[in-house]
Amino acid sequence: MKYGLIADPHANYEALSVAVSHLIEQEVHEFLCMGDIVGYNASPVQVIELLQEVGAVCINGNHDRYLLGQPPEEVGPEKVYVVEWTRRQLGDVEMDFLRALPTQREHAEGILMVHGSPQDMDEYLLTKEAIQKAVRYLGQNHPATQVCFFGHSHIPMIIGEGRIEMNFQETRTVRLNRMRSYLINVGSVGQPRDKCRKTSFGIFDSEAYTISIIRLDYDVEAERARIIEAGIDRRLANRLLHGV
């Protein structure tokens, strides 16, 4: 099976459409989305519709839950504005779609889908301590899991075999060890934060046992224009220019 991996599209239709088109060309069998479908950017309806069109298996992220009533924590007023603006854009169909999403999902072939980390849906796996804790938790509580895909940090990384790989500013394929378990973030489709403005997504080939983290250009200026036209804080539009 070839899985198309999407995390944190954040209502960026320009980026998501490039990622989906590429994954279709690569003949993936199934799309998996690790949450934060909405937030930050200005095309929430189009992004939801595209994920539904390709039959993506999705979980929710914190920004999706903000729309459903989870209070935003430690976020600035510009992000609160995006939550309120997004809520006004979505109809019952889109809101029902988000309400139906679980916070994590055990999928086929030893795959676990989470947004933040296996033990905390809103945890950022950015420090050595957090990563070590997540590795232990995964082994103790999800022993059948071979690969745990996560998002939230917007930074692509492969955690496994006692090391962390984070150099993915260009497309790269890594062969995995079937005897080991991994936590993998394919980066953010809609708001990369590794100082690379290219959209970031992935392909997991369960037969070849490889993970490809893919970086492609997309029309950043078109997405910036959508954000500015919607009245969303220009600082969020400008983040897309620099991948931060």
C-alpha atoms as a PDB file:
ATOM      1  CA  MET A   1       0.000   0.000   0.000  1.00  0.00           C
ATOM      2  CA  LYS A   2       1.078   3.532  -0.742  1.00  0.00           C
ATOM      3  CA  TYR A   3      -0.323   6.111   1.671  1.00  0.00           C
ATOM      4  CA  GLY A   4      -0.461   9.807   0.845  1.00  0.00           C
ATOM      5  CA  LEU A   5       0.333  11.668   4.062  1.00  0.00           C
ATOM      6  CA  ILE A   6      -1.005  15.140   4.798  1.00  0.00           C
ATOM      7  CA  ALA A   7      -0.687  17.129   8.015  1.00  0.00           C
ATOM      8  CA  ASP A   8      -1.688  20.656   8.979  1.00  0.00           C
ATOM      9  CA  PRO A   9      -3.175  21.880   5.692  1.00  0.00           C
ATOM     10  CA  HIS A  10      -4.573  24.859   7.646  1.00  0.00           C
ATOM     11  CA  ALA A  11      -7.058  26.002   5.002  1.00  0.00           C
ATOM     12  CA  ASN A  12      -4.297  26.553   2.415  1.00  0.00           C
ATOM     13  CA  TYR A  13      -5.966  25.391  -0.787  1.00  0.00           C
ATOM     14  CA  GLU A  14      -3.131  26.471  -3.073  1.00  0.00           C
ATOM     15  CA  ALA A  15      -0.694  24.191  -1.245  1.00  0.00           C
ATOM     16  CA  LEU A  16      -3.098  21.308  -0.659  1.00  0.00           C
ATOM     17  CA  SER A  17      -4.129  21.149  -4.316  1.00  0.00           C
ATOM     18  CA  VAL A  18      -0.448  20.803  -5.347  1.00  0.00           C
ATOM     19  CA  ALA A  19       0.096  18.054  -2.764  1.00  0.00           C
ATOM     20  CA  VAL A  20      -3.043  16.127  -3.720  1.00  0.00           C
ATOM     21  CA  SER A  21      -2.273  16.363  -7.445  1.00  0.00           C
ATOM     22  CA  HIS A  22       1.215  14.981  -6.859  1.00  0.00           C
ATOM     23  CA  LEU A  23      -0.064  12.142  -4.667  1.00  0.00           C
ATOM     24  CA  ILE A  24      -2.646  11.188  -7.286  1.00  0.00           C
ATOM     25  CA  GLU A  25       0.109  11.138  -9.931  1.00  0.00           C
ATOM     26  CA  GLN A  26       2.095   8.822  -7.669  1.00  0.00           C
ATOM     27  CA  GLU A  27      -0.929   6.510  -7.486  1.00  0.00           C
ATOM     28  CA  VAL A  28      -1.276   6.405  -3.724  1.00  0.00           C
ATOM     29  CA  HIS A  29      -3.960   4.023  -2.543  1.00  0.00           C
ATOM     30  CA  GLU A  30      -5.193   6.034   0.427  1.00  0.00           C
ATOM     31  CA  PHE A  31      -4.892   9.553   1.849  1.00  0.00           C
ATOM     32  CA  LEU A  32      -4.272  10.090   5.582  1.00  0.00           C
ATOM     33  CA  CYS A  33      -4.599  13.525   7.208  1.00  0.00           C
ATOM     34  CA  MET A  34      -3.197  14.222  10.682  1.00  0.00           C
ATOM     35  CA  GLY A  35      -5.419  17.178  11.553  1.00  0.00           C
ATOM     36  CA  ASP A  36      -5.469  20.979  11.668  1.00  0.00           C
ATOM     37  CA  ILE A  37      -7.493  21.063   8.507  1.00  0.00           C
ATOM     38  CA  VAL A  38      -8.488  24.682   9.127  1.00  0.00           C
ATOM     39  CA  GLY A  39      -6.932  27.762  10.725  1.00  0.00           C
ATOM     40  CA  TYR A  40      -4.425  30.459   9.671  1.00  0.00           C
ATOM     41  CA  ASN A  41      -5.316  30.527   5.964  1.00  0.00           C
ATOM     42  CA  ALA A  42      -8.349  31.564   3.961  1.00  0.00           C
ATOM     43  CA  SER A  43      -9.811  28.552   2.114  1.00  0.00           C
ATOM     44  CA  PRO A  44     -11.382  26.290   4.757  1.00  0.00           C
ATOM     45  CA  VAL A  45     -14.366  25.183   2.677  1.00  0.00           C
ATOM     46  CA  GLN A  46     -12.268  24.331  -0.388  1.00  0.00           C
ATOM     47  CA  VAL A  47      -9.769  22.384   1.720  1.00  0.00           C
ATOM     48  CA  ILE A  48     -12.483  20.326   3.416  1.00  0.00           C
ATOM     49  CA  GLU A  49     -14.129  19.645   0.066  1.00  0.00           C
ATOM     50  CA  LEU A  50     -10.849  18.478  -1.492  1.00  0.00           C
ATOM     51  CA  LEU A  51     -10.093  16.120   1.397  1.00  0.00           C
ATOM     52  CA  GLN A  52     -13.607  14.707   1.104  1.00  0.00           C
ATOM     53  CA  GLU A  53     -13.235  14.375  -2.674  1.00  0.00           C
ATOM     54  CA  VAL A  54     -10.179  12.128  -2.339  1.00  0.00           C
ATOM     55  CA  GLY A  55     -11.723  10.183   0.559  1.00  0.00           C
ATOM     56  CA  ALA A  56      -9.014  11.151   3.033  1.00  0.00           C
ATOM     57  CA  VAL A  57      -9.011   9.383   6.391  1.00  0.00           C
ATOM     58  CA  CYS A  58      -8.734  12.289   8.822  1.00  0.00           C
ATOM     59  CA  ILE A  59      -8.333  13.062  12.498  1.00  0.00           C
ATOM     60  CA  ASN A  60      -8.789  16.476  14.062  1.00  0.00           C
ATOM     61  CA  GLY A  61      -6.215  18.959  15.326  1.00  0.00           C
ATOM     62  CA  ASN A  62      -6.377  21.730  17.890  1.00  0.00           C
ATOM     63  CA  HIS A  63      -7.472  24.351  15.341  1.00  0.00           C
ATOM     64  CA  ASP A  64     -10.318  22.105  14.225  1.00  0.00           C
ATOM     65  CA  ARG A  65     -11.372  21.684  17.849  1.00  0.00           C
ATOM     66  CA  TYR A  66     -11.247  25.455  18.403  1.00  0.00           C
ATOM     67  CA  LEU A  67     -14.104  25.754  15.925  1.00  0.00           C
ATOM     68  CA  LEU A  68     -16.068  23.185  17.899  1.00  0.00           C
ATOM     69  CA  GLY A  69     -15.695  24.986  21.218  1.00  0.00           C
ATOM     70  CA  GLN A  70     -12.306  24.053  22.667  1.00  0.00           C
ATOM     71  CA  PRO A  71     -10.963  27.351  24.063  1.00  0.00           C
ATOM     72  CA  PRO A  72      -7.836  28.534  22.220  1.00  0.00           C
ATOM     73  CA  GLU A  73      -4.908  28.557  24.646  1.00  0.00           C
ATOM     74  CA  GLU A  74      -1.841  30.792  24.425  1.00  0.00           C
ATOM     75  CA  VAL A  75      -2.733  32.174  21.012  1.00  0.00           C
ATOM     76  CA  GLY A  76      -2.661  35.776  19.881  1.00  0.00           C
ATOM     77  CA  PRO A  77      -5.671  37.854  18.848  1.00  0.00           C
ATOM     78  CA  GLU A  78      -4.906  37.348  15.165  1.00  0.00           C
ATOM     79  CA  LYS A  79      -5.380  33.596  15.581  1.00  0.00           C
ATOM     80  CA  VAL A  80      -8.577  34.065  17.561  1.00  0.00           C
ATOM     81  CA  TYR A  81      -9.828  36.236  14.694  1.00  0.00           C
ATOM     82  CA  VAL A  82      -9.095  33.421  12.211  1.00  0.00           C
ATOM     83  CA  VAL A  83     -11.104  30.987  14.362  1.00  0.00           C
ATOM     84  CA  GLU A  84     -14.101  33.332  14.386  1.00  0.00           C
ATOM     85  CA  TRP A  85     -13.721  34.155  10.681  1.00  0.00           C
ATOM     86  CA  THR A  86     -13.495  30.468   9.759  1.00  0.00           C
ATOM     87  CA  ARG A  87     -16.576  29.613  11.800  1.00  0.00           C
ATOM     88  CA  ARG A  88     -18.532  32.146   9.724  1.00  0.00           C
ATOM     89  CA  GLN A  89     -17.376  30.530   6.470  1.00  0.00           C
ATOM     90  CA  LEU A  90     -18.399  26.973   7.290  1.00  0.00           C
ATOM     91  CA  GLY A  91     -21.875  25.583   6.850  1.00  0.00           C
ATOM     92  CA  ASP A  92     -23.522  22.656   8.583  1.00  0.00           C
ATOM     93  CA  VAL A  93     -21.940  20.133   6.213  1.00  0.00           C
ATOM     94  CA  GLU A  94     -18.407  21.292   6.962  1.00  0.00           C
ATOM     95  CA  MET A  95     -19.018  21.602  10.704  1.00  0.00           C
ATOM     96  CA  ASP A  96     -20.536  18.101  10.816  1.00  0.00           C
ATOM     97  CA  PHE A  97     -17.454  16.805   9.004  1.00  0.00           C
ATOM     98  CA  LEU A  98     -15.171  18.282  11.662  1.00  0.00           C
ATOM     99  CA  ARG A  99     -17.369  17.084  14.537  1.00  0.00           C
ATOM    100  CA  ALA A 100     -17.125  13.502  13.306  1.00  0.00           C
ATOM    101  CA  LEU A 101     -13.323  13.389  13.369  1.00  0.00           C
ATOM    102  CA  PRO A 102     -11.559  11.494  16.194  1.00  0.00           C
ATOM    103  CA  THR A 103      -8.512  12.881  18.010  1.00  0.00           C
ATOM    104  CA  GLN A 104      -6.456   9.829  17.034  1.00  0.00           C
ATOM    105  CA  ARG A 105      -6.984   6.729  14.948  1.00  0.00           C
ATOM    106  CA  GLU A 106      -5.446   3.258  14.828  1.00  0.00           C
ATOM    107  CA  HIS A 107      -5.311   2.457  11.152  1.00  0.00           C
ATOM    108  CA  ALA A 108      -4.320  -0.556   9.078  1.00  0.00           C
ATOM    109  CA  GLU A 109      -0.824  -2.080   8.875  1.00  0.00           C
ATOM    110  CA  GLY A 110       0.305  -0.943  12.308  1.00  0.00           C
ATOM    111  CA  ILE A 111      -0.321   2.737  11.636  1.00  0.00           C
ATOM    112  CA  LEU A 112      -1.325   5.156  14.411  1.00  0.00           C
ATOM    113  CA  MET A 113      -2.504   8.657  13.461  1.00  0.00           C
ATOM    114  CA  VAL A 114      -2.212  11.438  16.065  1.00  0.00           C
ATOM    115  CA  HIS A 115      -1.989  15.203  15.891  1.00  0.00           C
ATOM    116  CA  GLY A 116       0.307  16.256  18.730  1.00  0.00           C
ATOM    117  CA  SER A 117       1.788  13.108  20.257  1.00  0.00           C
ATOM    118  CA  PRO A 118       0.577   9.611  21.193  1.00  0.00           C
ATOM    119  CA  GLN A 119      -0.030  10.622  24.811  1.00  0.00           C
ATOM    120  CA  ASP A 120      -1.297  14.210  24.399  1.00  0.00           C
ATOM    121  CA  MET A 121      -3.289  15.511  21.444  1.00  0.00           C
ATOM    122  CA  ASP A 122      -1.867  19.047  21.881  1.00  0.00           C
ATOM    123  CA  GLU A 123       1.750  18.262  22.784  1.00  0.00           C
ATOM    124  CA  TYR A 124       4.571  19.535  20.584  1.00  0.00           C
ATOM    125  CA  LEU A 125       7.296  16.984  19.910  1.00  0.00           C
ATOM    126  CA  LEU A 126      10.124  19.492  19.701  1.00  0.00           C
ATOM    127  CA  THR A 127      12.356  18.803  22.698  1.00  0.00           C
ATOM    128  CA  LYS A 128      14.525  15.795  23.428  1.00  0.00           C
ATOM    129  CA  GLU A 129      12.558  15.145  26.620  1.00  0.00           C
ATOM    130  CA  ALA A 130       9.167  15.243  24.885  1.00  0.00           C
ATOM    131  CA  ILE A 131      10.385  12.964  22.107  1.00  0.00           C
ATOM    132  CA  GLN A 132      11.871  10.412  24.516  1.00  0.00           C
ATOM    133  CA  LYS A 133       8.630  10.391  26.509  1.00  0.00           C
ATOM    134  CA  ALA A 134       6.597   9.849  23.327  1.00  0.00           C
ATOM    135  CA  VAL A 135       8.820   6.966  22.224  1.00  0.00           C
ATOM    136  CA  ARG A 136       8.406   5.250  25.607  1.00  0.00           C
ATOM    137  CA  TYR A 137       4.665   5.853  25.655  1.00  0.00           C
ATOM    138  CA  LEU A 138       4.247   4.466  22.148  1.00  0.00           C
ATOM    139  CA  GLY A 139       6.085   1.269  23.012  1.00  0.00           C
ATOM    140  CA  GLN A 140       4.212   0.739  26.271  1.00  0.00           C
ATOM    141  CA  ASN A 141       0.697   1.660  25.164  1.00  0.00           C
ATOM    142  CA  HIS A 142       0.651   0.896  21.417  1.00  0.00           C
ATOM    143  CA  PRO A 143       2.942  -2.146  21.071  1.00  0.00           C
ATOM    144  CA  ALA A 144       1.381  -3.154  17.739  1.00  0.00           C
ATOM    145  CA  THR A 145       2.129   0.237  16.180  1.00  0.00           C
ATOM    146  CA  GLN A 146       4.973   0.245  13.680  1.00  0.00           C
ATOM    147  CA  VAL A 147       4.606   3.813  12.451  1.00  0.00           C
ATOM    148  CA  CYS A 148       2.946   6.700  14.306  1.00  0.00           C
ATOM    149  CA  PHE A 149       2.278   9.687  12.061  1.00  0.00           C
ATOM    150  CA  PHE A 150       1.878  13.043  13.821  1.00  0.00           C
ATOM    151  CA  GLY A 151       1.674  16.742  13.019  1.00  0.00           C
ATOM    152  CA  HIS A 152       1.212  19.946  15.057  1.00  0.00           C
ATOM    153  CA  SER A 153       4.826  21.187  15.034  1.00  0.00           C
ATOM    154  CA  HIS A 154       4.832  21.820  11.252  1.00  0.00           C
ATOM    155  CA  ILE A 155       8.410  20.489  11.101  1.00  0.00           C
ATOM    156  CA  PRO A 156       9.201  17.282   9.163  1.00  0.00           C
ATOM    157  CA  MET A 157      11.100  14.691  11.163  1.00  0.00           C
ATOM    158  CA  ILE A 158      11.688  10.961  11.439  1.00  0.00           C
ATOM    159  CA  ILE A 159      12.157   9.626  14.972  1.00  0.00           C
ATOM    160  CA  GLY A 160      13.419   6.069  15.258  1.00  0.00           C
ATOM    161  CA  GLU A 161      16.381   3.752  15.756  1.00  0.00           C
ATOM    162  CA  GLY A 162      17.682   6.075  18.485  1.00  0.00           C
ATOM    163  CA  ARG A 163      18.006   9.147  16.276  1.00  0.00           C
ATOM    164  CA  ILE A 164      16.063  12.098  14.862  1.00  0.00           C
ATOM    165  CA  GLU A 165      16.305  13.180  11.225  1.00  0.00           C
ATOM    166  CA  MET A 166      15.125  16.715  10.422  1.00  0.00           C
ATOM    167  CA  ASN A 167      16.869  17.729   7.184  1.00  0.00           C
ATOM    168  CA  PHE A 168      13.976  17.688   4.727  1.00  0.00           C
ATOM    169  CA  GLN A 169      14.004  21.004   2.872  1.00  0.00           C
ATOM    170  CA  GLU A 170      14.201  19.037  -0.363  1.00  0.00           C
ATOM    171  CA  THR A 171      12.351  15.856  -1.304  1.00  0.00           C
ATOM    172  CA  ARG A 172      14.014  12.818   0.236  1.00  0.00           C
ATOM    173  CA  THR A 173      13.184   9.132   0.673  1.00  0.00           C
ATOM    174  CA  VAL A 174      14.306   7.126   3.722  1.00  0.00           C
ATOM    175  CA  ARG A 175      14.218   3.346   4.025  1.00  0.00           C
ATOM    176  CA  LEU A 176      12.797   2.189   7.354  1.00  0.00           C
ATOM    177  CA  ASN A 177      13.638  -0.894   9.423  1.00  0.00           C
ATOM    178  CA  ARG A 178      10.704  -3.282   9.731  1.00  0.00           C
ATOM    179  CA  MET A 179      12.003  -4.412  13.127  1.00  0.00           C
ATOM    180  CA  ARG A 180      11.763  -0.913  14.628  1.00  0.00           C
ATOM    181  CA  SER A 181       8.924   1.515  15.354  1.00  0.00           C
ATOM    182  CA  TYR A 182       8.888   5.152  14.263  1.00  0.00           C
ATOM    183  CA  LEU A 183       7.236   8.486  14.915  1.00  0.00           C
ATOM    184  CA  ILE A 184       7.082  10.494  11.711  1.00  0.00           C
ATOM    185  CA  ASN A 185       5.983  14.042  10.926  1.00  0.00           C
ATOM    186  CA  VAL A 186       5.803  14.808   7.203  1.00  0.00           C
ATOM    187  CA  GLY A 187       5.667  18.558   7.880  1.00  0.00           C
ATOM    188  CA  SER A 188       2.881  21.011   7.190  1.00  0.00           C
ATOM    189  CA  VAL A 189       1.132  21.255   3.851  1.00  0.00           C
ATOM    190  CA  GLY A 190      -0.279  24.694   4.585  1.00  0.00           C
ATOM    191  CA  GLN A 191       2.145  26.502   6.904  1.00  0.00           C
ATOM    192  CA  PRO A 192       5.691  25.060   6.927  1.00  0.00           C
ATOM    193  CA  ARG A 193       7.867  26.198   9.839  1.00  0.00           C
ATOM    194  CA  ASP A 194      11.294  24.805   8.971  1.00  0.00           C
ATOM    195  CA  LYS A 195      12.399  27.974   7.135  1.00  0.00           C
ATOM    196  CA  CYS A 196      11.410  26.444   3.810  1.00  0.00           C
ATOM    197  CA  ARG A 197       8.347  27.892   2.076  1.00  0.00           C
ATOM    198  CA  LYS A 198       7.668  24.772  -0.007  1.00  0.00           C
ATOM    199  CA  THR A 199       4.633  22.691   0.880  1.00  0.00           C
ATOM    200  CA  SER A 200       5.553  19.549   2.814  1.00  0.00           C
ATOM    201  CA  PHE A 201       3.808  16.157   2.730  1.00  0.00           C
ATOM    202  CA  GLY A 202       4.696  12.504   2.295  1.00  0.00           C
ATOM    203  CA  ILE A 203       4.254   8.994   0.949  1.00  0.00           C
ATOM    204  CA  PHE A 204       4.580   5.858   3.077  1.00  0.00           C
ATOM    205  CA  ASP A 205       5.110   2.719   1.006  1.00  0.00           C
ATOM    206  CA  SER A 206       4.329  -0.218   3.290  1.00  0.00           C
ATOM    207  CA  GLU A 207       5.691  -2.776   0.803  1.00  0.00           C
ATOM    208  CA  ALA A 208       9.024  -1.098   0.066  1.00  0.00           C
ATOM    209  CA  TYR A 209       8.956   0.153   3.666  1.00  0.00           C
ATOM    210  CA  THR A 210      10.058   3.650   2.780  1.00  0.00           C
ATOM    211  CA  ILE A 211       8.925   7.116   3.767  1.00  0.00           C
ATOM    212  CA  SER A 212       9.254   9.965   1.283  1.00  0.00           C
ATOM    213  CA  ILE A 213       8.982  13.513   2.574  1.00  0.00           C
ATOM    214  CA  ILE A 214       8.130  15.657  -0.424  1.00  0.00           C
ATOM    215  CA  ARG A 215       8.756  19.389  -0.863  1.00  0.00           C
ATOM    216  CA  LEU A 216       7.166  21.199  -3.790  1.00  0.00           C
ATOM    217  CA  ASP A 217       6.662  24.806  -4.783  1.00  0.00           C
ATOM    218  CA  TYR A 218       3.135  26.204  -4.818  1.00  0.00           C
ATOM    219  CA  ASP A 219       1.606  29.619  -5.512  1.00  0.00           C
ATOM    220  CA  VAL A 220       2.424  31.336  -2.229  1.00  0.00           C
ATOM    221  CA  GLU A 221       1.427  34.764  -3.558  1.00  0.00           C
ATOM    222  CA  ALA A 222      -2.049  33.539  -4.488  1.00  0.00           C
ATOM    223  CA  GLU A 223      -2.588  32.181  -0.981  1.00  0.00           C
ATOM    224  CA  ARG A 224      -1.247  35.404   0.568  1.00  0.00           C
ATOM    225  CA  ALA A 225      -3.727  37.372  -1.537  1.00  0.00           C
ATOM    226  CA  ARG A 226      -6.597  35.192  -0.289  1.00  0.00           C
ATOM    227  CA  ILE A 227      -5.566  35.810   3.333  1.00  0.00           C
ATOM    228  CA  ILE A 228      -5.253  39.565   2.899  1.00  0.00           C
ATOM    229  CA  GLU A 229      -8.527  39.809   0.983  1.00  0.00           C
ATOM    230  CA  ALA A 230     -10.284  37.955   3.819  1.00  0.00           C
ATOM    231  CA  GLY A 231      -9.096  40.584   6.310  1.00  0.00           C
ATOM    232  CA  ILE A 232      -6.902  38.093   8.175  1.00  0.00           C
ATOM    233  CA  ASP A 233      -3.794  39.536   9.824  1.00  0.00           C
ATOM    234  CA  ARG A 234      -1.135  40.228   7.191  1.00  0.00           C
ATOM    235  CA  ARG A 235       1.522  38.720   9.476  1.00  0.00           C
ATOM    236  CA  LEU A 236      -0.014  35.291   8.910  1.00  0.00           C
ATOM    237  CA  ALA A 237       0.125  35.865   5.160  1.00  0.00           C
ATOM    238  CA  ASN A 238       3.778  36.895   5.352  1.00  0.00           C
ATOM    239  CA  ARG A 239       4.769  33.784   7.341  1.00  0.00           C
ATOM    240  CA  LEU A 240       4.177  31.768   4.187  1.00  0.00           C
ATOM    241  CA  LEU A 241       6.955  33.676   2.415  1.00  0.00           C
ATOM    242  CA  HIS A 242       9.632  32.474   4.796  1.00  0.00           C
ATOM    243  CA  GLY A 243       8.384  29.133   6.110  1.00  0.00           C
ATOM    244  CA  VAL A 244       8.207  30.223   9.740  1.00  0.00           C
END
